[in-house]
Amino acid sequence: MLSYITGTLLIVASIFNLIAAIGLLKFPDVYTRMHAASKAGTLGSGLMLVAIAVHSGEATIASRALAGVAFFLLTAPISAHLLARAAYVAGIAPWSGTEIDHLKGHYKDKEGHLSSDDES
C-alpha cells in the first residue's frame, strides 16, 4: 500500500512541477513566471519530499524530508516576494496586459524606499 501512496504522490508532484515549468515558458513577464515557479514548484517539490518520507519508513529520513517541506513552505514565498520587489525597483515593467499596478508612483527613489500615502 505504501508503494501506491508513494507513486501517487510522485505523479501528482510531477504534474505540479510540469505546470510550473510550462508557466515559466508561457507566462509573459517576470512576475507571473515567478508566481508559477514559487507556487506550483514549491508544491511539487514538497510532495516529492513527502513521498520520500512515506517510502523510507525510517523516522530520521522522514523527519529530514518533512523539515525540507517546512523549509520550502517558509522560504519560497519570501524569496519570490523579494525577487519581484527587486525586479520592480530595477525598472522591469509588468506585462502590458497588467490592468492594475498598485505600486506605480509609490517608490521615492531607485533604492526601493516606498513612500506612504500619509507623507506630504
N, C-alpha and C. Protein backbone atom coordinates (compact mmCIF):
# COMPACT_ATOMS: atom_id res chain seq x y z
N MET A 1 0.82 -1.20 0.00
CA MET A 1 0.00 0.00 0.00
C MET A 1 0.87 1.27 0.00
N LEU A 2 1.99 1.24 0.73
CA LEU A 2 2.88 2.41 0.77
C LEU A 2 3.45 2.71 -0.61
N SER A 3 3.67 1.68 -1.42
CA SER A 3 4.18 1.91 -2.78
C SER A 3 3.17 2.67 -3.63
N TYR A 4 1.89 2.35 -3.46
CA TYR A 4 0.85 3.06 -4.21
C TYR A 4 0.73 4.52 -3.77
N ILE A 5 0.81 4.74 -2.47
CA ILE A 5 0.76 6.11 -1.96
C ILE A 5 1.97 6.91 -2.45
N THR A 6 3.14 6.29 -2.38
CA THR A 6 4.35 6.95 -2.85
C THR A 6 4.26 7.27 -4.34
N GLY A 7 3.81 6.30 -5.11
CA GLY A 7 3.67 6.51 -6.56
C GLY A 7 2.69 7.61 -6.89
N THR A 8 1.56 7.62 -6.18
CA THR A 8 0.56 8.67 -6.40
C THR A 8 1.12 10.05 -6.05
N LEU A 9 1.82 10.13 -4.92
CA LEU A 9 2.43 11.41 -4.54
C LEU A 9 3.45 11.87 -5.58
N LEU A 10 4.24 10.95 -6.09
CA LEU A 10 5.24 11.33 -7.10
C LEU A 10 4.60 11.77 -8.41
N ILE A 11 3.51 11.11 -8.79
CA ILE A 11 2.82 11.51 -10.02
C ILE A 11 2.21 12.90 -9.87
N VAL A 12 1.55 13.14 -8.74
CA VAL A 12 0.94 14.46 -8.51
C VAL A 12 2.03 15.53 -8.42
N ALA A 13 3.13 15.22 -7.76
CA ALA A 13 4.24 16.17 -7.66
C ALA A 13 4.82 16.47 -9.04
N SER A 14 4.94 15.45 -9.86
CA SER A 14 5.47 15.66 -11.22
C SER A 14 4.54 16.53 -12.04
N ILE A 15 3.23 16.37 -11.86
CA ILE A 15 2.27 17.21 -12.58
C ILE A 15 2.43 18.67 -12.15
N PHE A 16 2.57 18.90 -10.86
CA PHE A 16 2.75 20.29 -10.39
C PHE A 16 4.07 20.87 -10.90
N ASN A 17 5.12 20.08 -10.91
CA ASN A 17 6.40 20.57 -11.44
C ASN A 17 6.31 20.84 -12.93
N LEU A 18 5.56 20.01 -13.66
CA LEU A 18 5.36 20.25 -15.09
C LEU A 18 4.58 21.54 -15.31
N ILE A 19 3.56 21.76 -14.50
CA ILE A 19 2.79 23.01 -14.60
C ILE A 19 3.69 24.22 -14.33
N ALA A 20 4.56 24.10 -13.34
CA ALA A 20 5.50 25.20 -13.04
C ALA A 20 6.43 25.44 -14.22
N ALA A 21 6.92 24.38 -14.84
CA ALA A 21 7.82 24.54 -15.99
C ALA A 21 7.10 25.16 -17.18
N ILE A 22 5.87 24.74 -17.42
CA ILE A 22 5.09 25.33 -18.51
C ILE A 22 4.82 26.80 -18.23
N GLY A 23 4.52 27.12 -16.96
CA GLY A 23 4.31 28.52 -16.59
C GLY A 23 5.55 29.37 -16.82
N LEU A 24 6.72 28.82 -16.52
CA LEU A 24 7.97 29.56 -16.77
C LEU A 24 8.17 29.83 -18.26
N LEU A 25 7.73 28.92 -19.09
CA LEU A 25 7.90 29.10 -20.53
C LEU A 25 6.83 29.98 -21.16
N LYS A 26 5.61 29.90 -20.66
CA LYS A 26 4.49 30.54 -21.34
C LYS A 26 4.06 31.89 -20.79
N PHE A 27 4.30 32.15 -19.52
CA PHE A 27 3.84 33.41 -18.95
C PHE A 27 4.64 34.57 -19.51
N PRO A 28 4.02 35.76 -19.60
CA PRO A 28 4.61 36.86 -20.36
C PRO A 28 5.68 37.69 -19.66
N ASP A 29 5.70 37.72 -18.33
CA ASP A 29 6.68 38.59 -17.67
C ASP A 29 7.27 37.91 -16.44
N VAL A 30 8.25 38.58 -15.86
CA VAL A 30 9.00 38.00 -14.74
C VAL A 30 8.10 37.77 -13.52
N TYR A 31 7.10 38.59 -13.33
CA TYR A 31 6.25 38.48 -12.15
C TYR A 31 5.33 37.27 -12.21
N THR A 32 4.72 37.03 -13.35
CA THR A 32 3.85 35.87 -13.48
C THR A 32 4.67 34.58 -13.55
N ARG A 33 5.83 34.64 -14.14
CA ARG A 33 6.71 33.46 -14.15
C ARG A 33 7.15 33.10 -12.75
N MET A 34 7.47 34.12 -11.97
CA MET A 34 7.88 33.88 -10.59
C MET A 34 6.73 33.28 -9.78
N HIS A 35 5.53 33.71 -10.06
CA HIS A 35 4.36 33.16 -9.38
C HIS A 35 4.23 31.66 -9.68
N ALA A 36 4.39 31.29 -10.94
CA ALA A 36 4.29 29.88 -11.32
C ALA A 36 5.38 29.06 -10.64
N ALA A 37 6.58 29.58 -10.64
CA ALA A 37 7.70 28.84 -10.06
C ALA A 37 7.55 28.71 -8.55
N SER A 38 7.10 29.76 -7.89
CA SER A 38 7.04 29.69 -6.43
C SER A 38 5.85 28.89 -5.93
N LYS A 39 4.73 28.94 -6.60
CA LYS A 39 3.55 28.22 -6.12
C LYS A 39 3.59 26.76 -6.53
N ALA A 40 3.55 26.51 -7.82
CA ALA A 40 3.48 25.12 -8.30
C ALA A 40 4.78 24.37 -8.04
N GLY A 41 5.90 25.05 -8.19
CA GLY A 41 7.19 24.41 -7.95
C GLY A 41 7.38 24.01 -6.49
N THR A 42 6.94 24.86 -5.59
CA THR A 42 7.04 24.55 -4.16
C THR A 42 6.14 23.38 -3.80
N LEU A 43 4.93 23.39 -4.33
CA LEU A 43 4.02 22.28 -4.03
C LEU A 43 4.55 20.97 -4.61
N GLY A 44 5.07 21.01 -5.83
CA GLY A 44 5.63 19.81 -6.43
C GLY A 44 6.83 19.27 -5.67
N SER A 45 7.72 20.15 -5.29
CA SER A 45 8.91 19.73 -4.53
C SER A 45 8.52 19.21 -3.15
N GLY A 46 7.57 19.88 -2.52
CA GLY A 46 7.10 19.44 -1.21
C GLY A 46 6.46 18.06 -1.26
N LEU A 47 5.65 17.81 -2.30
CA LEU A 47 5.03 16.50 -2.43
C LEU A 47 6.06 15.41 -2.71
N MET A 48 7.12 15.75 -3.44
CA MET A 48 8.18 14.76 -3.65
C MET A 48 8.88 14.41 -2.34
N LEU A 49 9.10 15.41 -1.51
CA LEU A 49 9.72 15.14 -0.22
C LEU A 49 8.78 14.33 0.69
N VAL A 50 7.49 14.58 0.62
CA VAL A 50 6.54 13.78 1.38
C VAL A 50 6.55 12.34 0.88
N ALA A 51 6.67 12.15 -0.44
CA ALA A 51 6.77 10.80 -0.99
C ALA A 51 8.01 10.09 -0.47
N ILE A 52 9.11 10.80 -0.35
CA ILE A 52 10.34 10.21 0.21
C ILE A 52 10.09 9.81 1.66
N ALA A 53 9.42 10.67 2.41
CA ALA A 53 9.14 10.37 3.82
C ALA A 53 8.27 9.13 3.95
N VAL A 54 7.26 9.01 3.10
CA VAL A 54 6.36 7.86 3.15
C VAL A 54 7.10 6.59 2.74
N HIS A 55 7.89 6.68 1.70
CA HIS A 55 8.56 5.50 1.16
C HIS A 55 9.69 4.99 2.06
N SER A 56 10.36 5.89 2.75
CA SER A 56 11.54 5.49 3.52
C SER A 56 11.19 4.57 4.68
N GLY A 57 10.16 4.90 5.41
CA GLY A 57 9.80 4.10 6.56
C GLY A 57 10.71 4.31 7.76
N GLU A 58 11.68 5.17 7.64
CA GLU A 58 12.59 5.46 8.74
C GLU A 58 12.31 6.86 9.28
N ALA A 59 12.33 6.98 10.58
CA ALA A 59 11.99 8.26 11.22
C ALA A 59 13.00 9.35 10.90
N THR A 60 14.27 8.98 10.80
CA THR A 60 15.29 10.01 10.55
C THR A 60 15.15 10.59 9.15
N ILE A 61 14.92 9.73 8.17
CA ILE A 61 14.75 10.20 6.79
C ILE A 61 13.45 10.98 6.66
N ALA A 62 12.38 10.48 7.28
CA ALA A 62 11.09 11.17 7.21
C ALA A 62 11.17 12.54 7.87
N SER A 63 11.87 12.64 8.99
CA SER A 63 11.97 13.94 9.66
C SER A 63 12.77 14.93 8.82
N ARG A 64 13.81 14.46 8.16
CA ARG A 64 14.58 15.35 7.27
C ARG A 64 13.73 15.80 6.08
N ALA A 65 12.97 14.88 5.52
CA ALA A 65 12.12 15.23 4.39
C ALA A 65 11.05 16.24 4.79
N LEU A 66 10.45 16.03 5.95
CA LEU A 66 9.42 16.96 6.41
C LEU A 66 10.03 18.30 6.81
N ALA A 67 11.25 18.30 7.29
CA ALA A 67 11.95 19.57 7.56
C ALA A 67 12.20 20.31 6.24
N GLY A 68 12.51 19.56 5.19
CA GLY A 68 12.67 20.16 3.87
C GLY A 68 11.38 20.78 3.36
N VAL A 69 10.25 20.11 3.60
CA VAL A 69 8.95 20.66 3.22
C VAL A 69 8.70 21.98 3.96
N ALA A 70 8.95 21.97 5.26
CA ALA A 70 8.77 23.20 6.05
C ALA A 70 9.68 24.31 5.53
N PHE A 71 10.92 23.97 5.19
CA PHE A 71 11.85 24.96 4.66
C PHE A 71 11.33 25.55 3.35
N PHE A 72 10.84 24.70 2.45
CA PHE A 72 10.27 25.19 1.19
C PHE A 72 9.09 26.11 1.44
N LEU A 73 8.19 25.70 2.32
CA LEU A 73 6.99 26.49 2.57
C LEU A 73 7.30 27.83 3.23
N LEU A 74 8.38 27.89 3.99
CA LEU A 74 8.74 29.15 4.65
C LEU A 74 9.56 30.08 3.77
N THR A 75 10.39 29.52 2.91
CA THR A 75 11.32 30.38 2.16
C THR A 75 10.85 30.73 0.76
N ALA A 76 10.10 29.90 0.09
CA ALA A 76 9.73 30.18 -1.29
C ALA A 76 8.87 31.44 -1.45
N PRO A 77 7.83 31.65 -0.65
CA PRO A 77 7.06 32.89 -0.81
C PRO A 77 7.87 34.15 -0.51
N ILE A 78 8.73 34.07 0.50
CA ILE A 78 9.54 35.23 0.86
C ILE A 78 10.54 35.56 -0.23
N SER A 79 11.20 34.54 -0.75
CA SER A 79 12.19 34.79 -1.80
C SER A 79 11.52 35.29 -3.08
N ALA A 80 10.35 34.76 -3.42
CA ALA A 80 9.63 35.24 -4.60
C ALA A 80 9.23 36.70 -4.44
N HIS A 81 8.78 37.06 -3.24
CA HIS A 81 8.41 38.45 -2.98
C HIS A 81 9.62 39.38 -3.11
N LEU A 82 10.74 38.97 -2.53
CA LEU A 82 11.93 39.81 -2.59
C LEU A 82 12.47 39.94 -4.02
N LEU A 83 12.42 38.86 -4.78
CA LEU A 83 12.87 38.94 -6.18
C LEU A 83 11.95 39.82 -7.01
N ALA A 84 10.64 39.72 -6.76
CA ALA A 84 9.69 40.57 -7.50
C ALA A 84 9.89 42.04 -7.15
N ARG A 85 10.12 42.32 -5.89
CA ARG A 85 10.35 43.71 -5.49
C ARG A 85 11.63 44.24 -6.10
N ALA A 86 12.68 43.42 -6.10
CA ALA A 86 13.95 43.85 -6.69
C ALA A 86 13.78 44.10 -8.19
N ALA A 87 13.02 43.26 -8.85
CA ALA A 87 12.78 43.45 -10.29
C ALA A 87 12.00 44.75 -10.52
N TYR A 88 11.01 45.03 -9.68
CA TYR A 88 10.22 46.24 -9.84
C TYR A 88 11.06 47.49 -9.60
N VAL A 89 11.87 47.45 -8.55
CA VAL A 89 12.73 48.60 -8.24
C VAL A 89 13.76 48.80 -9.34
N ALA A 90 14.24 47.71 -9.95
CA ALA A 90 15.23 47.82 -11.02
C ALA A 90 14.62 48.35 -12.31
N GLY A 91 13.29 48.46 -12.34
CA GLY A 91 12.64 49.05 -13.51
C GLY A 91 12.08 48.06 -14.50
N ILE A 92 12.00 46.80 -14.14
CA ILE A 92 11.40 45.82 -15.03
C ILE A 92 9.89 46.01 -14.96
N ALA A 93 9.32 46.43 -16.05
CA ALA A 93 7.90 46.76 -16.09
C ALA A 93 7.06 45.50 -16.15
N PRO A 94 5.88 45.55 -15.53
CA PRO A 94 4.96 44.43 -15.68
C PRO A 94 4.49 44.31 -17.13
N TRP A 95 3.93 43.18 -17.45
CA TRP A 95 3.39 42.90 -18.78
C TRP A 95 2.39 43.99 -19.16
N SER A 96 2.33 44.32 -20.43
CA SER A 96 1.45 45.40 -20.89
C SER A 96 -0.03 45.10 -20.64
N GLY A 97 -0.37 43.83 -20.49
CA GLY A 97 -1.75 43.45 -20.20
C GLY A 97 -2.13 43.56 -18.74
N THR A 98 -1.19 43.94 -17.88
CA THR A 98 -1.48 44.12 -16.47
C THR A 98 -2.39 45.32 -16.31
N GLU A 99 -3.53 45.11 -15.70
CA GLU A 99 -4.52 46.17 -15.62
C GLU A 99 -4.27 47.15 -14.48
N ILE A 100 -3.83 46.63 -13.33
CA ILE A 100 -3.64 47.49 -12.16
C ILE A 100 -2.22 47.34 -11.65
N ASP A 101 -1.54 48.46 -11.48
CA ASP A 101 -0.20 48.48 -10.90
C ASP A 101 -0.28 49.29 -9.62
N HIS A 102 -0.46 48.61 -8.50
CA HIS A 102 -0.65 49.29 -7.23
C HIS A 102 0.59 50.02 -6.74
N LEU A 103 1.75 49.66 -7.25
CA LEU A 103 3.00 50.29 -6.77
C LEU A 103 3.42 51.49 -7.60
N LYS A 104 2.79 51.71 -8.73
CA LYS A 104 3.20 52.79 -9.62
C LYS A 104 3.09 54.14 -8.90
N GLY A 105 4.20 54.85 -8.88
CA GLY A 105 4.24 56.16 -8.26
C GLY A 105 4.50 56.16 -6.77
N HIS A 106 4.68 54.98 -6.16
CA HIS A 106 4.89 54.92 -4.71
C HIS A 106 6.35 54.78 -4.31
N TYR A 107 7.23 54.55 -5.25
CA TYR A 107 8.65 54.45 -4.90
C TYR A 107 9.28 55.82 -5.00
N LYS A 108 9.93 56.24 -3.90
CA LYS A 108 10.55 57.56 -3.85
C LYS A 108 11.84 57.60 -4.66
N ASP A 109 12.58 56.51 -4.64
CA ASP A 109 13.89 56.51 -5.30
C ASP A 109 14.18 55.12 -5.85
N LYS A 110 15.31 54.99 -6.49
CA LYS A 110 15.70 53.72 -7.09
C LYS A 110 16.27 52.72 -6.07
N GLU A 111 16.37 53.13 -4.82
CA GLU A 111 16.86 52.22 -3.78
C GLU A 111 15.75 51.40 -3.18
N GLY A 112 14.52 51.60 -3.61
CA GLY A 112 13.42 50.77 -3.16
C GLY A 112 12.69 51.26 -1.94
N HIS A 113 12.84 52.54 -1.59
CA HIS A 113 12.12 53.08 -0.45
C HIS A 113 10.72 53.46 -0.88
N LEU A 114 9.74 52.89 -0.22
CA LEU A 114 8.34 53.19 -0.53
C LEU A 114 7.92 54.48 0.13
N SER A 115 7.15 55.26 -0.56
CA SER A 115 6.55 56.44 0.07
C SER A 115 5.15 56.06 0.49
N SER A 116 4.73 56.54 1.62
CA SER A 116 3.36 56.24 2.09
C SER A 116 2.42 57.32 1.62
N ASP A 117 1.14 57.01 1.68
CA ASP A 117 0.13 57.99 1.29
C ASP A 117 0.04 59.13 2.29
N ASP A 118 0.54 58.91 3.52
CA ASP A 118 0.46 59.93 4.56
C ASP A 118 1.53 61.01 4.41
N GLU A 119 2.63 60.69 3.69
CA GLU A 119 3.72 61.66 3.55
C GLU A 119 3.29 62.79 2.63
N SER A 120 3.75 63.97 2.93
CA SER A 120 3.39 65.11 2.07
C SER A 120 4.55 65.55 1.23
